[in-house]
Amino acid sequence: MEDWQQRVFEEREALRRLISKLRGMLSSDVYTKLDDMDQLLLCRQERAMTAYQDILSERIARFKEPSA
């Protein structure tokens, strides 16, 4: 595996941990006490981070594909 490919794996793992923490916050009492705009922004952040994670997963899946 190339060094840059390993970094993509590491980036996805770090992102997975951050998403997990954010989702925990979204289901906490702290979240329910935030104003509507802050709640909306945190939900948007979670969706964006999840989309980013999905892209990294797609890239990783392509590591195993033969080059065209």
PDB file of N, CA and C in Angstrom:
ATOM      1  N   MET A   1       0.848  -1.178   0.000  1.00  0.00           N
ATOM      2  CA  MET A   1       0.000   0.000   0.000  1.00  0.00           C
ATOM      3  C   MET A   1       0.893   1.241   0.000  1.00  0.00           C
ATOM      4  N   GLU A   2       0.505   2.182  -0.800  1.00  0.00           N
ATOM      5  CA  GLU A   2       1.236   3.454  -0.888  1.00  0.00           C
ATOM      6  C   GLU A   2       1.000   4.281   0.387  1.00  0.00           C
ATOM      7  N   ASP A   3       1.968   5.156   0.687  1.00  0.00           N
ATOM      8  CA  ASP A   3       1.835   6.027   1.862  1.00  0.00           C
ATOM      9  C   ASP A   3       0.575   6.882   1.792  1.00  0.00           C
ATOM     10  N   TRP A   4       0.284   7.435   0.626  1.00  0.00           N
ATOM     11  CA  TRP A   4      -0.880   8.310   0.500  1.00  0.00           C
ATOM     12  C   TRP A   4      -2.173   7.525   0.713  1.00  0.00           C
ATOM     13  N   GLN A   5      -2.182   6.252   0.339  1.00  0.00           N
ATOM     14  CA  GLN A   5      -3.371   5.419   0.566  1.00  0.00           C
ATOM     15  C   GLN A   5      -3.560   5.175   2.063  1.00  0.00           C
ATOM     16  N   GLN A   6      -2.482   4.937   2.757  1.00  0.00           N
ATOM     17  CA  GLN A   6      -2.559   4.753   4.212  1.00  0.00           C
ATOM     18  C   GLN A   6      -3.109   6.004   4.877  1.00  0.00           C
ATOM     19  N   ARG A   7      -2.697   7.161   4.379  1.00  0.00           N
ATOM     20  CA  ARG A   7      -3.199   8.421   4.948  1.00  0.00           C
ATOM     21  C   ARG A   7      -4.707   8.562   4.732  1.00  0.00           C
ATOM     22  N   VAL A   8      -5.221   8.073   3.611  1.00  0.00           N
ATOM     23  CA  VAL A   8      -6.665   8.124   3.364  1.00  0.00           C
ATOM     24  C   VAL A   8      -7.390   7.237   4.379  1.00  0.00           C
ATOM     25  N   PHE A   9      -6.851   6.046   4.646  1.00  0.00           N
ATOM     26  CA  PHE A   9      -7.430   5.172   5.672  1.00  0.00           C
ATOM     27  C   PHE A   9      -7.445   5.871   7.031  1.00  0.00           C
ATOM     28  N   GLU A  10      -6.332   6.487   7.379  1.00  0.00           N
ATOM     29  CA  GLU A  10      -6.222   7.175   8.669  1.00  0.00           C
ATOM     30  C   GLU A  10      -7.176   8.352   8.754  1.00  0.00           C
ATOM     31  N   GLU A  11      -7.313   9.071   7.662  1.00  0.00           N
ATOM     32  CA  GLU A  11      -8.231  10.214   7.632  1.00  0.00           C
ATOM     33  C   GLU A  11      -9.664   9.750   7.829  1.00  0.00           C
ATOM     34  N   ARG A  12     -10.036   8.650   7.163  1.00  0.00           N
ATOM     35  CA  ARG A  12     -11.398   8.134   7.319  1.00  0.00           C
ATOM     36  C   ARG A  12     -11.649   7.681   8.751  1.00  0.00           C
ATOM     37  N   GLU A  13     -10.669   7.048   9.375  1.00  0.00           N
ATOM     38  CA  GLU A  13     -10.831   6.589  10.752  1.00  0.00           C
ATOM     39  C   GLU A  13     -10.974   7.774  11.709  1.00  0.00           C
ATOM     40  N   ALA A  14     -10.163   8.805  11.526  1.00  0.00           N
ATOM     41  CA  ALA A  14     -10.276  10.002  12.362  1.00  0.00           C
ATOM     42  C   ALA A  14     -11.644  10.653  12.174  1.00  0.00           C
ATOM     43  N   LEU A  15     -12.097  10.703  10.945  1.00  0.00           N
ATOM     44  CA  LEU A  15     -13.403  11.286  10.655  1.00  0.00           C
ATOM     45  C   LEU A  15     -14.514  10.445  11.278  1.00  0.00           C
ATOM     46  N   ARG A  16     -14.379   9.118  11.226  1.00  0.00           N
ATOM     47  CA  ARG A  16     -15.377   8.240  11.835  1.00  0.00           C
ATOM     48  C   ARG A  16     -15.515   8.535  13.332  1.00  0.00           C
ATOM     49  N   ARG A  17     -14.383   8.737  14.006  1.00  0.00           N
ATOM     50  CA  ARG A  17     -14.424   9.052  15.441  1.00  0.00           C
ATOM     51  C   ARG A  17     -15.106  10.401  15.695  1.00  0.00           C
ATOM     52  N   LEU A  18     -14.802  11.399  14.860  1.00  0.00           N
ATOM     53  CA  LEU A  18     -15.431  12.715  15.025  1.00  0.00           C
ATOM     54  C   LEU A  18     -16.936  12.651  14.785  1.00  0.00           C
ATOM     55  N   ILE A  19     -17.352  11.897  13.785  1.00  0.00           N
ATOM     56  CA  ILE A  19     -18.785  11.739  13.503  1.00  0.00           C
ATOM     57  C   ILE A  19     -19.473  11.061  14.676  1.00  0.00           C
ATOM     58  N   SER A  20     -18.835  10.059  15.228  1.00  0.00           N
ATOM     59  CA  SER A  20     -19.410   9.361  16.379  1.00  0.00           C
ATOM     60  C   SER A  20     -19.617  10.311  17.556  1.00  0.00           C
ATOM     61  N   LYS A  21     -18.624  11.136  17.828  1.00  0.00           N
ATOM     62  CA  LYS A  21     -18.740  12.115  18.916  1.00  0.00           C
ATOM     63  C   LYS A  21     -19.850  13.123  18.630  1.00  0.00           C
ATOM     64  N   LEU A  22     -19.915  13.591  17.393  1.00  0.00           N
ATOM     65  CA  LEU A  22     -20.945  14.556  17.024  1.00  0.00           C
ATOM     66  C   LEU A  22     -22.330  13.944  17.160  1.00  0.00           C
ATOM     67  N   ARG A  23     -22.492  12.703  16.710  1.00  0.00           N
ATOM     68  CA  ARG A  23     -23.796  12.039  16.834  1.00  0.00           C
ATOM     69  C   ARG A  23     -24.189  11.857  18.300  1.00  0.00           C
ATOM     70  N   GLY A  24     -23.210  11.591  19.142  1.00  0.00           N
ATOM     71  CA  GLY A  24     -23.495  11.513  20.572  1.00  0.00           C
ATOM     72  C   GLY A  24     -24.001  12.839  21.101  1.00  0.00           C
ATOM     73  N   MET A  25     -23.396  13.912  20.642  1.00  0.00           N
ATOM     74  CA  MET A  25     -23.827  15.241  21.066  1.00  0.00           C
ATOM     75  C   MET A  25     -25.230  15.548  20.554  1.00  0.00           C
ATOM     76  N   LEU A  26     -25.525  15.109  19.324  1.00  0.00           N
ATOM     77  CA  LEU A  26     -26.838  15.379  18.741  1.00  0.00           C
ATOM     78  C   LEU A  26     -27.960  14.669  19.488  1.00  0.00           C
ATOM     79  N   SER A  27     -27.638  13.646  20.242  1.00  0.00           N
ATOM     80  CA  SER A  27     -28.664  12.936  20.997  1.00  0.00           C
ATOM     81  C   SER A  27     -28.584  13.245  22.489  1.00  0.00           C
ATOM     82  N   SER A  28     -27.909  14.324  22.824  1.00  0.00           N
ATOM     83  CA  SER A  28     -27.728  14.684  24.235  1.00  0.00           C
ATOM     84  C   SER A  28     -28.668  15.821  24.644  1.00  0.00           C
ATOM     85  N   ASP A  29     -28.720  16.033  25.932  1.00  0.00           N
ATOM     86  CA  ASP A  29     -29.497  17.151  26.467  1.00  0.00           C
ATOM     87  C   ASP A  29     -28.900  18.488  26.060  1.00  0.00           C
ATOM     88  N   VAL A  30     -27.594  18.532  25.888  1.00  0.00           N
ATOM     89  CA  VAL A  30     -26.929  19.770  25.470  1.00  0.00           C
ATOM     90  C   VAL A  30     -27.509  20.233  24.136  1.00  0.00           C
ATOM     91  N   TYR A  31     -27.659  19.291  23.206  1.00  0.00           N
ATOM     92  CA  TYR A  31     -28.193  19.619  21.879  1.00  0.00           C
ATOM     93  C   TYR A  31     -29.599  20.200  21.986  1.00  0.00           C
ATOM     94  N   THR A  32     -30.442  19.590  22.784  1.00  0.00           N
ATOM     95  CA  THR A  32     -31.840  20.054  22.872  1.00  0.00           C
ATOM     96  C   THR A  32     -31.945  21.451  23.471  1.00  0.00           C
ATOM     97  N   LYS A  33     -30.922  21.884  24.177  1.00  0.00           N
ATOM     98  CA  LYS A  33     -30.932  23.220  24.786  1.00  0.00           C
ATOM     99  C   LYS A  33     -30.386  24.303  23.861  1.00  0.00           C
ATOM    100  N   LEU A  34     -29.826  23.901  22.740  1.00  0.00           N
ATOM    101  CA  LEU A  34     -29.315  24.881  21.783  1.00  0.00           C
ATOM    102  C   LEU A  34     -30.457  25.537  21.031  1.00  0.00           C
ATOM    103  N   ASP A  35     -30.197  26.735  20.514  1.00  0.00           N
ATOM    104  CA  ASP A  35     -31.244  27.376  19.715  1.00  0.00           C
ATOM    105  C   ASP A  35     -31.376  26.668  18.361  1.00  0.00           C
ATOM    106  N   ASP A  36     -32.463  26.964  17.678  1.00  0.00           N
ATOM    107  CA  ASP A  36     -32.796  26.255  16.445  1.00  0.00           C
ATOM    108  C   ASP A  36     -31.701  26.354  15.383  1.00  0.00           C
ATOM    109  N   MET A  37     -31.097  27.522  15.232  1.00  0.00           N
ATOM    110  CA  MET A  37     -30.075  27.696  14.198  1.00  0.00           C
ATOM    111  C   MET A  37     -28.843  26.846  14.502  1.00  0.00           C
ATOM    112  N   ASP A  38     -28.423  26.814  15.771  1.00  0.00           N
ATOM    113  CA  ASP A  38     -27.273  25.983  16.121  1.00  0.00           C
ATOM    114  C   ASP A  38     -27.581  24.497  15.912  1.00  0.00           C
ATOM    115  N   GLN A  39     -28.795  24.079  16.222  1.00  0.00           N
ATOM    116  CA  GLN A  39     -29.189  22.694  15.970  1.00  0.00           C
ATOM    117  C   GLN A  39     -29.135  22.387  14.477  1.00  0.00           C
ATOM    118  N   LEU A  40     -29.645  23.289  13.673  1.00  0.00           N
ATOM    119  CA  LEU A  40     -29.637  23.112  12.227  1.00  0.00           C
ATOM    120  C   LEU A  40     -28.196  23.009  11.700  1.00  0.00           C
ATOM    121  N   LEU A  41     -27.342  23.892  12.164  1.00  0.00           N
ATOM    122  CA  LEU A  41     -25.952  23.882  11.700  1.00  0.00           C
ATOM    123  C   LEU A  41     -25.232  22.588  12.088  1.00  0.00           C
ATOM    124  N   LEU A  42     -25.482  22.098  13.278  1.00  0.00           N
ATOM    125  CA  LEU A  42     -24.862  20.842  13.697  1.00  0.00           C
ATOM    126  C   LEU A  42     -25.372  19.664  12.859  1.00  0.00           C
ATOM    127  N   CYS A  43     -26.638  19.663  12.531  1.00  0.00           N
ATOM    128  CA  CYS A  43     -27.186  18.606  11.666  1.00  0.00           C
ATOM    129  C   CYS A  43     -26.574  18.680  10.270  1.00  0.00           C
ATOM    130  N   ARG A  44     -26.438  19.886   9.757  1.00  0.00           N
ATOM    131  CA  ARG A  44     -25.790  20.049   8.450  1.00  0.00           C
ATOM    132  C   ARG A  44     -24.340  19.585   8.500  1.00  0.00           C
ATOM    133  N   GLN A  45     -23.655  19.900   9.600  1.00  0.00           N
ATOM    134  CA  GLN A  45     -22.270  19.471   9.770  1.00  0.00           C
ATOM    135  C   GLN A  45     -22.181  17.948   9.756  1.00  0.00           C
ATOM    136  N   GLU A  46     -23.088  17.279  10.455  1.00  0.00           N
ATOM    137  CA  GLU A  46     -23.082  15.816  10.488  1.00  0.00           C
ATOM    138  C   GLU A  46     -23.298  15.239   9.100  1.00  0.00           C
ATOM    139  N   ARG A  47     -24.211  15.814   8.334  1.00  0.00           N
ATOM    140  CA  ARG A  47     -24.460  15.325   6.963  1.00  0.00           C
ATOM    141  C   ARG A  47     -23.230  15.536   6.078  1.00  0.00           C
ATOM    142  N   ALA A  48     -22.596  16.687   6.207  1.00  0.00           N
ATOM    143  CA  ALA A  48     -21.411  16.970   5.388  1.00  0.00           C
ATOM    144  C   ALA A  48     -20.261  16.033   5.751  1.00  0.00           C
ATOM    145  N   MET A  49     -20.065  15.803   7.027  1.00  0.00           N
ATOM    146  CA  MET A  49     -18.998  14.909   7.458  1.00  0.00           C
ATOM    147  C   MET A  49     -19.263  13.478   6.997  1.00  0.00           C
ATOM    148  N   THR A  50     -20.517  13.059   7.044  1.00  0.00           N
ATOM    149  CA  THR A  50     -20.877  11.717   6.590  1.00  0.00           C
ATOM    150  C   THR A  50     -20.660  11.589   5.086  1.00  0.00           C
ATOM    151  N   ALA A  51     -20.999  12.622   4.333  1.00  0.00           N
ATOM    152  CA  ALA A  51     -20.762  12.599   2.887  1.00  0.00           C
ATOM    153  C   ALA A  51     -19.264  12.502   2.603  1.00  0.00           C
ATOM    154  N   TYR A  52     -18.465  13.228   3.343  1.00  0.00           N
ATOM    155  CA  TYR A  52     -17.009  13.197   3.201  1.00  0.00           C
ATOM    156  C   TYR A  52     -16.484  11.789   3.502  1.00  0.00           C
ATOM    157  N   GLN A  53     -16.993  11.188   4.569  1.00  0.00           N
ATOM    158  CA  GLN A  53     -16.591   9.832   4.927  1.00  0.00           C
ATOM    159  C   GLN A  53     -16.958   8.846   3.811  1.00  0.00           C
ATOM    160  N   ASP A  54     -18.128   9.014   3.239  1.00  0.00           N
ATOM    161  CA  ASP A  54     -18.558   8.142   2.138  1.00  0.00           C
ATOM    162  C   ASP A  54     -17.620   8.272   0.932  1.00  0.00           C
ATOM    163  N   ILE A  55     -17.201   9.486   0.646  1.00  0.00           N
ATOM    164  CA  ILE A  55     -16.269   9.712  -0.471  1.00  0.00           C
ATOM    165  C   ILE A  55     -14.937   9.018  -0.191  1.00  0.00           C
ATOM    166  N   LEU A  56     -14.440   9.147   1.032  1.00  0.00           N
ATOM    167  CA  LEU A  56     -13.190   8.461   1.375  1.00  0.00           C
ATOM    168  C   LEU A  56     -13.346   6.950   1.230  1.00  0.00           C
ATOM    169  N   SER A  57     -14.493   6.414   1.623  1.00  0.00           N
ATOM    170  CA  SER A  57     -14.741   4.973   1.489  1.00  0.00           C
ATOM    171  C   SER A  57     -14.758   4.557   0.027  1.00  0.00           C
ATOM    172  N   GLU A  58     -15.353   5.371  -0.816  1.00  0.00           N
ATOM    173  CA  GLU A  58     -15.363   5.075  -2.255  1.00  0.00           C
ATOM    174  C   GLU A  58     -13.947   5.089  -2.824  1.00  0.00           C
ATOM    175  N   ARG A  59     -13.148   6.041  -2.371  1.00  0.00           N
ATOM    176  CA  ARG A  59     -11.754   6.095  -2.834  1.00  0.00           C
ATOM    177  C   ARG A  59     -10.995   4.848  -2.395  1.00  0.00           C
ATOM    178  N   ILE A  60     -11.208   4.436  -1.148  1.00  0.00           N
ATOM    179  CA  ILE A  60     -10.534   3.248  -0.626  1.00  0.00           C
ATOM    180  C   ILE A  60     -10.953   2.013  -1.420  1.00  0.00           C
ATOM    181  N   ALA A  61     -12.222   1.909  -1.755  1.00  0.00           N
ATOM    182  CA  ALA A  61     -12.696   0.767  -2.540  1.00  0.00           C
ATOM    183  C   ALA A  61     -11.985   0.711  -3.889  1.00  0.00           C
ATOM    184  N   ARG A  62     -11.658   1.854  -4.448  1.00  0.00           N
ATOM    185  CA  ARG A  62     -10.980   1.903  -5.738  1.00  0.00           C
ATOM    186  C   ARG A  62      -9.502   1.515  -5.655  1.00  0.00           C
ATOM    187  N   PHE A  63      -8.945   1.539  -4.448  1.00  0.00           N
ATOM    188  CA  PHE A  63      -7.544   1.125  -4.299  1.00  0.00           C
ATOM    189  C   PHE A  63      -7.344  -0.303  -4.776  1.00  0.00           C
ATOM    190  N   LYS A  64      -8.382  -1.112  -4.642  1.00  0.00           N
ATOM    191  CA  LYS A  64      -8.292  -2.524  -4.978  1.00  0.00           C
ATOM    192  C   LYS A  64      -8.610  -2.814  -6.436  1.00  0.00           C
ATOM    193  N   GLU A  65      -9.152  -1.811  -7.128  1.00  0.00           N
ATOM    194  CA  GLU A  65      -9.513  -1.990  -8.532  1.00  0.00           C
ATOM    195  C   GLU A  65      -8.277  -1.843  -9.416  1.00  0.00           C
ATOM    196  N   PRO A  66      -8.191  -2.654 -10.444  1.00  0.00           N
ATOM    197  CA  PRO A  66      -7.056  -2.493 -11.365  1.00  0.00           C
ATOM    198  C   PRO A  66      -7.162  -1.164 -12.107  1.00  0.00           C
ATOM    199  N   SER A  67      -6.027  -0.595 -12.409  1.00  0.00           N
ATOM    200  CA  SER A  67      -6.011   0.665 -13.162  1.00  0.00           C
ATOM    201  C   SER A  67      -6.533   0.452 -14.557  1.00  0.00           C
ATOM    202  N   ALA A  68      -7.235   1.463 -15.059  1.00  0.00           N
ATOM    203  CA  ALA A  68      -7.796   1.356 -16.418  1.00  0.00           C
ATOM    204  C   ALA A  68      -6.737   1.559 -17.458  1.00  0.00           C
TER     205      ALA A  68
END
